[in-house]
Amino acid sequence: MADPHGPLHGTGDFRGARASRESLARGTAPAAAGTLHLRSVSGHLSVAPRPGAVVTFGRGEPPRADLPVGEDDMRVSRRHGELTYRRRRWWLRNTGRQLVRLPEGRLMHTSTDPVPLASGYTPVFIRGSGHREHLVELFVTGHDEPSAARHRQAVTLRPRTWPLREDERRLLVVLGQHYLLYEAGPRPLAYRQAAELLECLRPGERWTPRRVEARVEAVRRRLDRGGFPYPLLHDKDSGAVPSDNTLLHNLLRGLVESTTLVPPDLALLDEPPEAPGPVE
């Protein structure tokens, strides 16, 4: 739906999204306080905070949906969600048949009252066909504090991210998918479950629970040497020795908090399986 008070700014050309792993979790370009930014794997928009402004997302084409999401999934409604600016806040409403899930497992039905968005980042998930989850990232630019006026033109400091190889990223997304889905009290996947899923995603690579464990330990040791903010290794001299599951939780928590892993990385779980190479 077009904004009666001004144009929507954005693009539908988003073919490089998965390769670059752009995410609103890492922030946005400078914008007026209250500006709403939206992003999916198919496009992104920025909307000025004007009273009465409305922006929609869903499977349909404009004007039914301003931001496309889940275009090839018939379980996503053509107009699945709506955001309206009123009382100096953006309000999210579910207008689709499927539930919309917010962080901490909060669910929205069509009968649920609209929810005001806080400043900053909010991922929204739409349950699709099978195990598919469609992500809509939202980010509301916050208001400057009067005491911080001298910092308004300064470049925003981003969290330190940690280097990962492509195979390590895929492994950690598999293990940490509940963290990236912003579920309440997330826990890592078991190594056995991770190995089974990786075998489906990368047939021929011979994933086993033991191999998953070895790869995770290698990442933990490398990042611990680099100054990771949470304990990643056993400290036998401290008396209380954390379990491997606790150390894995520390690893995944730190990678998500630092935006090294971001919700768009979940697209790695939707990639078609690679055909195994020729047997020599």
C-alpha atoms as a PDB file:
ATOM      1  CA  MET A   1       0.000   0.000   0.000  1.00  0.00           C
ATOM      2  CA  ALA A   2       1.479   3.336  -1.003  1.00  0.00           C
ATOM      3  CA  ASP A   3       2.321   5.823   1.705  1.00  0.00           C
ATOM      4  CA  PRO A   4      -0.076   8.761   1.256  1.00  0.00           C
ATOM      5  CA  HIS A   5       2.489  11.091   2.822  1.00  0.00           C
ATOM      6  CA  GLY A   6       5.495  10.208   0.734  1.00  0.00           C
ATOM      7  CA  PRO A   7       7.244   7.532  -1.354  1.00  0.00           C
ATOM      8  CA  LEU A   8       8.730   4.324  -0.106  1.00  0.00           C
ATOM      9  CA  HIS A   9      12.457   4.070  -0.664  1.00  0.00           C
ATOM     10  CA  GLY A  10      14.105   0.776  -1.500  1.00  0.00           C
ATOM     11  CA  THR A  11      14.776  -1.797  -4.168  1.00  0.00           C
ATOM     12  CA  GLY A  12      13.538  -5.183  -5.222  1.00  0.00           C
ATOM     13  CA  ASP A  13      16.919  -6.208  -6.663  1.00  0.00           C
ATOM     14  CA  PHE A  14      18.275  -8.330  -3.846  1.00  0.00           C
ATOM     15  CA  ARG A  15      20.059 -11.103  -5.702  1.00  0.00           C
ATOM     16  CA  GLY A  16      23.295 -10.616  -3.762  1.00  0.00           C
ATOM     17  CA  ALA A  17      21.702 -10.789  -0.326  1.00  0.00           C
ATOM     18  CA  ARG A  18      22.804 -14.318   0.521  1.00  0.00           C
ATOM     19  CA  ALA A  19      26.323 -13.824  -0.747  1.00  0.00           C
ATOM     20  CA  SER A  20      26.905 -10.565   1.148  1.00  0.00           C
ATOM     21  CA  ARG A  21      24.775 -11.600   4.155  1.00  0.00           C
ATOM     22  CA  GLU A  22      23.527  -8.073   4.664  1.00  0.00           C
ATOM     23  CA  SER A  23      21.377  -7.794   7.741  1.00  0.00           C
ATOM     24  CA  LEU A  24      19.604  -5.064   9.646  1.00  0.00           C
ATOM     25  CA  ALA A  25      20.939  -6.734  12.802  1.00  0.00           C
ATOM     26  CA  ARG A  26      24.174  -4.870  12.031  1.00  0.00           C
ATOM     27  CA  GLY A  27      22.409  -1.501  11.896  1.00  0.00           C
ATOM     28  CA  THR A  28      21.464   0.873   9.112  1.00  0.00           C
ATOM     29  CA  ALA A  29      22.696   3.978   7.369  1.00  0.00           C
ATOM     30  CA  PRO A  30      21.998   7.273   9.203  1.00  0.00           C
ATOM     31  CA  ALA A  31      18.318   8.243   8.996  1.00  0.00           C
ATOM     32  CA  ALA A  32      15.785  10.438  10.751  1.00  0.00           C
ATOM     33  CA  ALA A  33      14.601   9.203  14.129  1.00  0.00           C
ATOM     34  CA  GLY A  34      11.620   6.886  13.751  1.00  0.00           C
ATOM     35  CA  THR A  35      12.507   5.773  10.218  1.00  0.00           C
ATOM     36  CA  LEU A  36      11.399   2.193   9.579  1.00  0.00           C
ATOM     37  CA  HIS A  37      13.705  -0.116   7.621  1.00  0.00           C
ATOM     38  CA  LEU A  38      12.472  -3.469   6.297  1.00  0.00           C
ATOM     39  CA  ARG A  39      14.456  -6.253   4.635  1.00  0.00           C
ATOM     40  CA  SER A  40      13.715  -9.714   3.227  1.00  0.00           C
ATOM     41  CA  VAL A  41      15.666 -11.942   0.858  1.00  0.00           C
ATOM     42  CA  SER A  42      13.760 -10.261  -1.988  1.00  0.00           C
ATOM     43  CA  GLY A  43      14.118  -6.564  -1.226  1.00  0.00           C
ATOM     44  CA  HIS A  44      14.406  -3.757   1.260  1.00  0.00           C
ATOM     45  CA  LEU A  45      12.571  -0.530   2.056  1.00  0.00           C
ATOM     46  CA  SER A  46      12.936   2.558   4.223  1.00  0.00           C
ATOM     47  CA  VAL A  47       9.835   4.485   5.292  1.00  0.00           C
ATOM     48  CA  ALA A  48       9.724   7.929   6.870  1.00  0.00           C
ATOM     49  CA  PRO A  49       7.821   8.293  10.177  1.00  0.00           C
ATOM     50  CA  ARG A  50       4.796  10.212   8.931  1.00  0.00           C
ATOM     51  CA  PRO A  51       1.417   9.970  10.702  1.00  0.00           C
ATOM     52  CA  GLY A  52      -0.803   7.556   8.797  1.00  0.00           C
ATOM     53  CA  ALA A  53       2.076   5.943   6.870  1.00  0.00           C
ATOM     54  CA  VAL A  54       1.394   2.271   6.109  1.00  0.00           C
ATOM     55  CA  VAL A  55       3.734  -0.375   4.723  1.00  0.00           C
ATOM     56  CA  THR A  56       2.853  -4.021   4.072  1.00  0.00           C
ATOM     57  CA  PHE A  57       4.714  -7.284   3.415  1.00  0.00           C
ATOM     58  CA  GLY A  58       3.657 -10.627   1.980  1.00  0.00           C
ATOM     59  CA  ARG A  59       3.617 -12.943  -1.030  1.00  0.00           C
ATOM     60  CA  GLY A  60       1.688 -10.559  -3.260  1.00  0.00           C
ATOM     61  CA  GLU A  61       2.947  -7.894  -5.616  1.00  0.00           C
ATOM     62  CA  PRO A  62       2.518  -4.143  -5.037  1.00  0.00           C
ATOM     63  CA  PRO A  63       0.190  -2.562  -4.135  1.00  0.00           C
ATOM     64  CA  ARG A  64      -1.003  -5.566  -2.095  1.00  0.00           C
ATOM     65  CA  ALA A  65       2.451  -5.976  -0.501  1.00  0.00           C
ATOM     66  CA  ASP A  66       5.196  -3.341  -0.531  1.00  0.00           C
ATOM     67  CA  LEU A  67       7.916  -5.788   0.561  1.00  0.00           C
ATOM     68  CA  PRO A  68       7.851  -9.263  -1.034  1.00  0.00           C
ATOM     69  CA  VAL A  69       8.485 -12.267   1.190  1.00  0.00           C
ATOM     70  CA  GLY A  70       7.901 -15.984   0.564  1.00  0.00           C
ATOM     71  CA  GLU A  71       6.765 -15.413  -3.006  1.00  0.00           C
ATOM     72  CA  ASP A  72       7.057 -19.123  -3.869  1.00  0.00           C
ATOM     73  CA  ASP A  73       5.324 -20.355  -0.701  1.00  0.00           C
ATOM     74  CA  MET A  74       1.533 -20.601  -0.842  1.00  0.00           C
ATOM     75  CA  ARG A  75       1.289 -20.684   2.960  1.00  0.00           C
ATOM     76  CA  VAL A  76       2.394 -17.054   3.067  1.00  0.00           C
ATOM     77  CA  SER A  77      -0.536 -14.695   2.540  1.00  0.00           C
ATOM     78  CA  ARG A  78      -0.379 -12.160  -0.258  1.00  0.00           C
ATOM     79  CA  ARG A  79      -0.643  -9.450   2.404  1.00  0.00           C
ATOM     80  CA  HIS A  80       0.704 -11.077   5.532  1.00  0.00           C
ATOM     81  CA  GLY A  81       1.655  -8.138   7.728  1.00  0.00           C
ATOM     82  CA  GLU A  82       1.085  -4.432   8.066  1.00  0.00           C
ATOM     83  CA  LEU A  83       2.971  -1.651   9.842  1.00  0.00           C
ATOM     84  CA  THR A  84       1.292   1.679  10.605  1.00  0.00           C
ATOM     85  CA  TYR A  85       2.843   4.825  12.069  1.00  0.00           C
ATOM     86  CA  ARG A  86       0.717   6.453  14.753  1.00  0.00           C
ATOM     87  CA  ARG A  87       1.302   8.011  18.158  1.00  0.00           C
ATOM     88  CA  ARG A  88       5.003   8.331  17.255  1.00  0.00           C
ATOM     89  CA  ARG A  89       5.425   4.556  17.026  1.00  0.00           C
ATOM     90  CA  TRP A  90       5.364   1.894  14.333  1.00  0.00           C
ATOM     91  CA  TRP A  91       2.676  -0.721  15.060  1.00  0.00           C
ATOM     92  CA  LEU A  92       2.883  -4.252  13.630  1.00  0.00           C
ATOM     93  CA  ARG A  93      -0.264  -6.223  12.818  1.00  0.00           C
ATOM     94  CA  ASN A  94      -0.652  -9.746  11.435  1.00  0.00           C
ATOM     95  CA  THR A  95      -3.021  -9.749   8.456  1.00  0.00           C
ATOM     96  CA  GLY A  96      -2.165 -13.251   7.161  1.00  0.00           C
ATOM     97  CA  ARG A  97      -3.496 -16.769   7.702  1.00  0.00           C
ATOM     98  CA  GLN A  98      -0.300 -18.095   9.292  1.00  0.00           C
ATOM     99  CA  LEU A  99       0.980 -16.984  12.679  1.00  0.00           C
ATOM    100  CA  VAL A 100       3.741 -14.385  12.866  1.00  0.00           C
ATOM    101  CA  ARG A 101       6.466 -15.027  15.453  1.00  0.00           C
ATOM    102  CA  LEU A 102       8.407 -12.306  17.243  1.00  0.00           C
ATOM    103  CA  PRO A 103      11.531 -12.692  19.436  1.00  0.00           C
ATOM    104  CA  GLU A 104      11.234 -14.829  22.580  1.00  0.00           C
ATOM    105  CA  GLY A 105       8.610 -16.984  20.860  1.00  0.00           C
ATOM    106  CA  ARG A 106       5.827 -14.368  20.998  1.00  0.00           C
ATOM    107  CA  LEU A 107       3.102 -15.286  18.489  1.00  0.00           C
ATOM    108  CA  MET A 108       0.732 -12.960  16.669  1.00  0.00           C
ATOM    109  CA  HIS A 109      -2.640 -14.057  15.231  1.00  0.00           C
ATOM    110  CA  THR A 110      -4.926 -11.934  13.074  1.00  0.00           C
ATOM    111  CA  SER A 111      -6.957 -11.315  16.236  1.00  0.00           C
ATOM    112  CA  THR A 112      -3.890 -10.131  18.206  1.00  0.00           C
ATOM    113  CA  ASP A 113      -3.765  -6.422  18.994  1.00  0.00           C
ATOM    114  CA  PRO A 114      -1.112  -4.472  17.047  1.00  0.00           C
ATOM    115  CA  VAL A 115       2.308  -4.474  18.713  1.00  0.00           C
ATOM    116  CA  PRO A 116       4.465  -1.309  18.927  1.00  0.00           C
ATOM    117  CA  LEU A 117       8.044  -1.723  17.742  1.00  0.00           C
ATOM    118  CA  ALA A 118      10.884  -0.637  19.990  1.00  0.00           C
ATOM    119  CA  SER A 119      13.832   1.254  18.546  1.00  0.00           C
ATOM    120  CA  GLY A 120      16.460  -0.986  17.015  1.00  0.00           C
ATOM    121  CA  TYR A 121      16.257  -4.459  15.518  1.00  0.00           C
ATOM    122  CA  THR A 122      13.252  -6.794  15.441  1.00  0.00           C
ATOM    123  CA  PRO A 123      13.238 -10.012  13.368  1.00  0.00           C
ATOM    124  CA  VAL A 124       9.809 -11.319  12.334  1.00  0.00           C
ATOM    125  CA  PHE A 125       9.302 -14.924  11.199  1.00  0.00           C
ATOM    126  CA  ILE A 126       6.452 -16.379   9.126  1.00  0.00           C
ATOM    127  CA  ARG A 127       6.008 -20.155   9.237  1.00  0.00           C
ATOM    128  CA  GLY A 128       5.806 -21.471   5.685  1.00  0.00           C
ATOM    129  CA  SER A 129       5.459 -24.873   4.044  1.00  0.00           C
ATOM    130  CA  GLY A 130       7.195 -27.780   5.728  1.00  0.00           C
ATOM    131  CA  HIS A 131       9.986 -26.500   7.943  1.00  0.00           C
ATOM    132  CA  ARG A 132      10.440 -23.224   6.076  1.00  0.00           C
ATOM    133  CA  GLU A 133      10.670 -19.964   8.026  1.00  0.00           C
ATOM    134  CA  HIS A 134      10.430 -16.678   6.134  1.00  0.00           C
ATOM    135  CA  LEU A 135      12.293 -13.755   7.678  1.00  0.00           C
ATOM    136  CA  VAL A 136      11.316 -10.094   7.627  1.00  0.00           C
ATOM    137  CA  GLU A 137      13.874  -7.891   9.371  1.00  0.00           C
ATOM    138  CA  LEU A 138      12.664  -4.623  10.888  1.00  0.00           C
ATOM    139  CA  PHE A 139      14.769  -1.784  12.284  1.00  0.00           C
ATOM    140  CA  VAL A 140      13.509   1.489  13.739  1.00  0.00           C
ATOM    141  CA  THR A 141      16.028   4.313  13.936  1.00  0.00           C
ATOM    142  CA  GLY A 142      16.207   5.571  17.512  1.00  0.00           C
ATOM    143  CA  HIS A 143      16.019   9.121  18.817  1.00  0.00           C
ATOM    144  CA  ASP A 144      19.247  10.921  19.719  1.00  0.00           C
ATOM    145  CA  GLU A 145      19.662  11.791  23.355  1.00  0.00           C
ATOM    146  CA  PRO A 146      20.186  15.568  23.907  1.00  0.00           C
ATOM    147  CA  SER A 147      23.476  14.910  25.726  1.00  0.00           C
ATOM    148  CA  ALA A 148      24.768  12.964  22.727  1.00  0.00           C
ATOM    149  CA  ALA A 149      24.290  15.740  20.186  1.00  0.00           C
ATOM    150  CA  ARG A 150      28.030  15.985  19.491  1.00  0.00           C
ATOM    151  CA  HIS A 151      28.073  12.316  18.483  1.00  0.00           C
ATOM    152  CA  ARG A 152      25.222  12.496  15.965  1.00  0.00           C
ATOM    153  CA  GLN A 153      27.528  12.796  12.972  1.00  0.00           C
ATOM    154  CA  ALA A 154      29.970  10.164  14.191  1.00  0.00           C
ATOM    155  CA  VAL A 155      30.191   6.775  12.517  1.00  0.00           C
ATOM    156  CA  THR A 156      28.343   4.121  14.529  1.00  0.00           C
ATOM    157  CA  LEU A 157      30.693   1.589  16.079  1.00  0.00           C
ATOM    158  CA  ARG A 158      29.757  -1.926  15.067  1.00  0.00           C
ATOM    159  CA  PRO A 159      30.351  -5.027  17.175  1.00  0.00           C
ATOM    160  CA  ARG A 160      33.498  -6.995  16.543  1.00  0.00           C
ATOM    161  CA  THR A 161      32.757  -9.928  14.280  1.00  0.00           C
ATOM    162  CA  TRP A 162      34.732 -13.163  14.174  1.00  0.00           C
ATOM    163  CA  PRO A 163      36.215 -14.812  11.056  1.00  0.00           C
ATOM    164  CA  LEU A 164      34.578 -18.043   9.951  1.00  0.00           C
ATOM    165  CA  ARG A 165      35.143 -20.224   6.918  1.00  0.00           C
ATOM    166  CA  GLU A 166      32.108 -21.043   4.811  1.00  0.00           C
ATOM    167  CA  ASP A 167      31.917 -24.639   6.038  1.00  0.00           C
ATOM    168  CA  GLU A 168      32.243 -23.445   9.651  1.00  0.00           C
ATOM    169  CA  ARG A 169      29.454 -20.913   9.168  1.00  0.00           C
ATOM    170  CA  ARG A 170      27.105 -23.566   7.775  1.00  0.00           C
ATOM    171  CA  LEU A 171      27.928 -25.918  10.655  1.00  0.00           C
ATOM    172  CA  LEU A 172      27.328 -23.224  13.282  1.00  0.00           C
ATOM    173  CA  VAL A 173      24.058 -22.101  11.656  1.00  0.00           C
ATOM    174  CA  VAL A 174      22.869 -25.712  11.816  1.00  0.00           C
ATOM    175  CA  LEU A 175      23.860 -26.006  15.478  1.00  0.00           C
ATOM    176  CA  GLY A 176      22.593 -22.539  16.410  1.00  0.00           C
ATOM    177  CA  GLN A 177      19.416 -22.221  14.366  1.00  0.00           C
ATOM    178  CA  HIS A 178      17.272 -21.759  17.503  1.00  0.00           C
ATOM    179  CA  TYR A 179      19.432 -18.776  18.460  1.00  0.00           C
ATOM    180  CA  LEU A 180      19.000 -17.226  14.994  1.00  0.00           C
ATOM    181  CA  LEU A 181      15.243 -17.794  15.231  1.00  0.00           C
ATOM    182  CA  TYR A 182      15.312 -15.678  18.416  1.00  0.00           C
ATOM    183  CA  GLU A 183      13.514 -18.363  20.391  1.00  0.00           C
ATOM    184  CA  ALA A 184      13.109 -18.121  24.160  1.00  0.00           C
ATOM    185  CA  GLY A 185      15.874 -20.009  26.002  1.00  0.00           C
ATOM    186  CA  PRO A 186      17.607 -21.355  22.883  1.00  0.00           C
ATOM    187  CA  ARG A 187      19.868 -24.403  23.123  1.00  0.00           C
ATOM    188  CA  PRO A 188      22.235 -25.914  20.536  1.00  0.00           C
ATOM    189  CA  LEU A 189      21.226 -28.817  18.347  1.00  0.00           C
ATOM    190  CA  ALA A 190      22.724 -32.122  19.443  1.00  0.00           C
ATOM    191  CA  TYR A 191      25.787 -33.189  17.470  1.00  0.00           C
ATOM    192  CA  ARG A 192      23.880 -36.221  16.179  1.00  0.00           C
ATOM    193  CA  GLN A 193      21.036 -34.030  14.869  1.00  0.00           C
ATOM    194  CA  ALA A 194      23.513 -31.603  13.315  1.00  0.00           C
ATOM    195  CA  ALA A 195      25.359 -34.424  11.540  1.00  0.00           C
ATOM    196  CA  GLU A 196      22.103 -35.779  10.091  1.00  0.00           C
ATOM    197  CA  LEU A 197      21.079 -32.354   8.782  1.00  0.00           C
ATOM    198  CA  LEU A 198      24.523 -31.665   7.330  1.00  0.00           C
ATOM    199  CA  GLU A 199      24.400 -35.009   5.549  1.00  0.00           C
ATOM    200  CA  CYS A 200      21.194 -33.829   3.859  1.00  0.00           C
ATOM    201  CA  LEU A 201      22.658 -30.429   2.986  1.00  0.00           C
ATOM    202  CA  ARG A 202      26.114 -31.675   1.940  1.00  0.00           C
ATOM    203  CA  PRO A 203      25.788 -35.314   0.872  1.00  0.00           C
ATOM    204  CA  GLY A 204      29.076 -37.041   0.387  1.00  0.00           C
ATOM    205  CA  GLU A 205      30.959 -35.092   3.063  1.00  0.00           C
ATOM    206  CA  ARG A 206      30.477 -37.938   5.554  1.00  0.00           C
ATOM    207  CA  TRP A 207      29.333 -35.926   8.550  1.00  0.00           C
ATOM    208  CA  THR A 208      29.290 -37.772  11.873  1.00  0.00           C
ATOM    209  CA  PRO A 209      28.724 -36.550  15.441  1.00  0.00           C
ATOM    210  CA  ARG A 210      32.443 -37.003  16.110  1.00  0.00           C
ATOM    211  CA  ARG A 211      33.378 -34.872  13.106  1.00  0.00           C
ATOM    212  CA  VAL A 212      30.923 -32.136  14.149  1.00  0.00           C
ATOM    213  CA  GLU A 213      32.427 -32.122  17.654  1.00  0.00           C
ATOM    214  CA  ALA A 214      35.982 -31.876  16.282  1.00  0.00           C
ATOM    215  CA  ARG A 215      35.105 -28.948  14.011  1.00  0.00           C
ATOM    216  CA  VAL A 216      33.372 -27.097  16.850  1.00  0.00           C
ATOM    217  CA  GLU A 217      36.343 -27.612  19.151  1.00  0.00           C
ATOM    218  CA  ALA A 218      38.705 -26.233  16.486  1.00  0.00           C
ATOM    219  CA  VAL A 219      36.577 -23.082  16.167  1.00  0.00           C
ATOM    220  CA  ARG A 220      36.368 -22.699  19.957  1.00  0.00           C
ATOM    221  CA  ARG A 221      40.156 -22.925  20.322  1.00  0.00           C
ATOM    222  CA  ARG A 222      40.812 -20.434  17.527  1.00  0.00           C
ATOM    223  CA  LEU A 223      38.312 -17.833  18.743  1.00  0.00           C
ATOM    224  CA  ASP A 224      39.405 -18.254  22.358  1.00  0.00           C
ATOM    225  CA  ARG A 225      42.951 -17.317  21.304  1.00  0.00           C
ATOM    226  CA  GLY A 226      41.495 -14.251  19.595  1.00  0.00           C
ATOM    227  CA  GLY A 227      39.878 -12.916  22.786  1.00  0.00           C
ATOM    228  CA  PHE A 228      36.291 -14.185  22.524  1.00  0.00           C
ATOM    229  CA  PRO A 229      34.126 -12.542  25.238  1.00  0.00           C
ATOM    230  CA  TYR A 230      32.762 -15.818  26.722  1.00  0.00           C
ATOM    231  CA  PRO A 231      34.611 -18.898  28.012  1.00  0.00           C
ATOM    232  CA  LEU A 232      35.144 -21.430  25.228  1.00  0.00           C
ATOM    233  CA  LEU A 233      37.594 -23.887  26.778  1.00  0.00           C
ATOM    234  CA  HIS A 234      37.750 -26.031  29.884  1.00  0.00           C
ATOM    235  CA  ASP A 235      39.694 -24.375  32.693  1.00  0.00           C
ATOM    236  CA  LYS A 236      40.654 -27.339  34.853  1.00  0.00           C
ATOM    237  CA  ASP A 237      42.454 -25.102  37.352  1.00  0.00           C
ATOM    238  CA  SER A 238      39.261 -23.199  38.219  1.00  0.00           C
ATOM    239  CA  GLY A 239      37.605 -26.151  39.930  1.00  0.00           C
ATOM    240  CA  ALA A 240      34.156 -25.986  38.303  1.00  0.00           C
ATOM    241  CA  VAL A 241      34.536 -27.358  34.763  1.00  0.00           C
ATOM    242  CA  PRO A 242      31.754 -26.323  32.342  1.00  0.00           C
ATOM    243  CA  SER A 243      30.207 -28.973  30.121  1.00  0.00           C
ATOM    244  CA  ASP A 244      30.824 -29.047  26.380  1.00  0.00           C
ATOM    245  CA  ASN A 245      27.188 -28.027  25.896  1.00  0.00           C
ATOM    246  CA  THR A 246      27.748 -24.906  28.015  1.00  0.00           C
ATOM    247  CA  LEU A 247      30.831 -24.001  25.995  1.00  0.00           C
ATOM    248  CA  LEU A 248      28.910 -24.490  22.753  1.00  0.00           C
ATOM    249  CA  HIS A 249      26.125 -22.280  24.146  1.00  0.00           C
ATOM    250  CA  ASN A 250      28.749 -19.608  24.925  1.00  0.00           C
ATOM    251  CA  LEU A 251      30.093 -19.855  21.369  1.00  0.00           C
ATOM    252  CA  LEU A 252      26.708 -19.537  19.668  1.00  0.00           C
ATOM    253  CA  ARG A 253      25.520 -16.798  22.007  1.00  0.00           C
ATOM    254  CA  GLY A 254      28.645 -14.732  21.338  1.00  0.00           C
ATOM    255  CA  LEU A 255      28.482 -15.223  17.559  1.00  0.00           C
ATOM    256  CA  VAL A 256      24.844 -14.078  17.427  1.00  0.00           C
ATOM    257  CA  GLU A 257      25.344 -11.148  19.821  1.00  0.00           C
ATOM    258  CA  SER A 258      28.316  -9.925  17.769  1.00  0.00           C
ATOM    259  CA  THR A 259      26.294 -10.289  14.531  1.00  0.00           C
ATOM    260  CA  THR A 260      28.903 -12.708  13.195  1.00  0.00           C
ATOM    261  CA  LEU A 261      25.872 -14.939  12.645  1.00  0.00           C
ATOM    262  CA  VAL A 262      22.660 -13.146  11.649  1.00  0.00           C
ATOM    263  CA  PRO A 263      19.122 -14.385  10.873  1.00  0.00           C
ATOM    264  CA  PRO A 264      19.621 -14.161   7.063  1.00  0.00           C
ATOM    265  CA  ASP A 265      22.252 -16.893   7.496  1.00  0.00           C
ATOM    266  CA  LEU A 266      19.331 -19.283   8.017  1.00  0.00           C
ATOM    267  CA  ALA A 267      19.056 -19.264   4.217  1.00  0.00           C
ATOM    268  CA  LEU A 268      21.964 -21.745   4.307  1.00  0.00           C
ATOM    269  CA  LEU A 269      19.473 -24.314   5.610  1.00  0.00           C
ATOM    270  CA  ASP A 270      17.254 -23.824   2.546  1.00  0.00           C
ATOM    271  CA  GLU A 271      19.979 -24.327  -0.052  1.00  0.00           C
ATOM    272  CA  PRO A 272      19.377 -27.363  -2.283  1.00  0.00           C
ATOM    273  CA  PRO A 273      21.639 -30.302  -1.497  1.00  0.00           C
ATOM    274  CA  GLU A 274      24.838 -30.449  -3.515  1.00  0.00           C
ATOM    275  CA  ALA A 275      25.280 -33.494  -5.674  1.00  0.00           C
ATOM    276  CA  PRO A 276      28.189 -35.623  -4.440  1.00  0.00           C
ATOM    277  CA  GLY A 277      31.320 -35.472  -6.546  1.00  0.00           C
ATOM    278  CA  PRO A 278      32.444 -38.345  -8.770  1.00  0.00           C
ATOM    279  CA  VAL A 279      33.823 -41.365  -6.951  1.00  0.00           C
ATOM    280  CA  GLU A 280      37.383 -42.057  -7.950  1.00  0.00           C
END
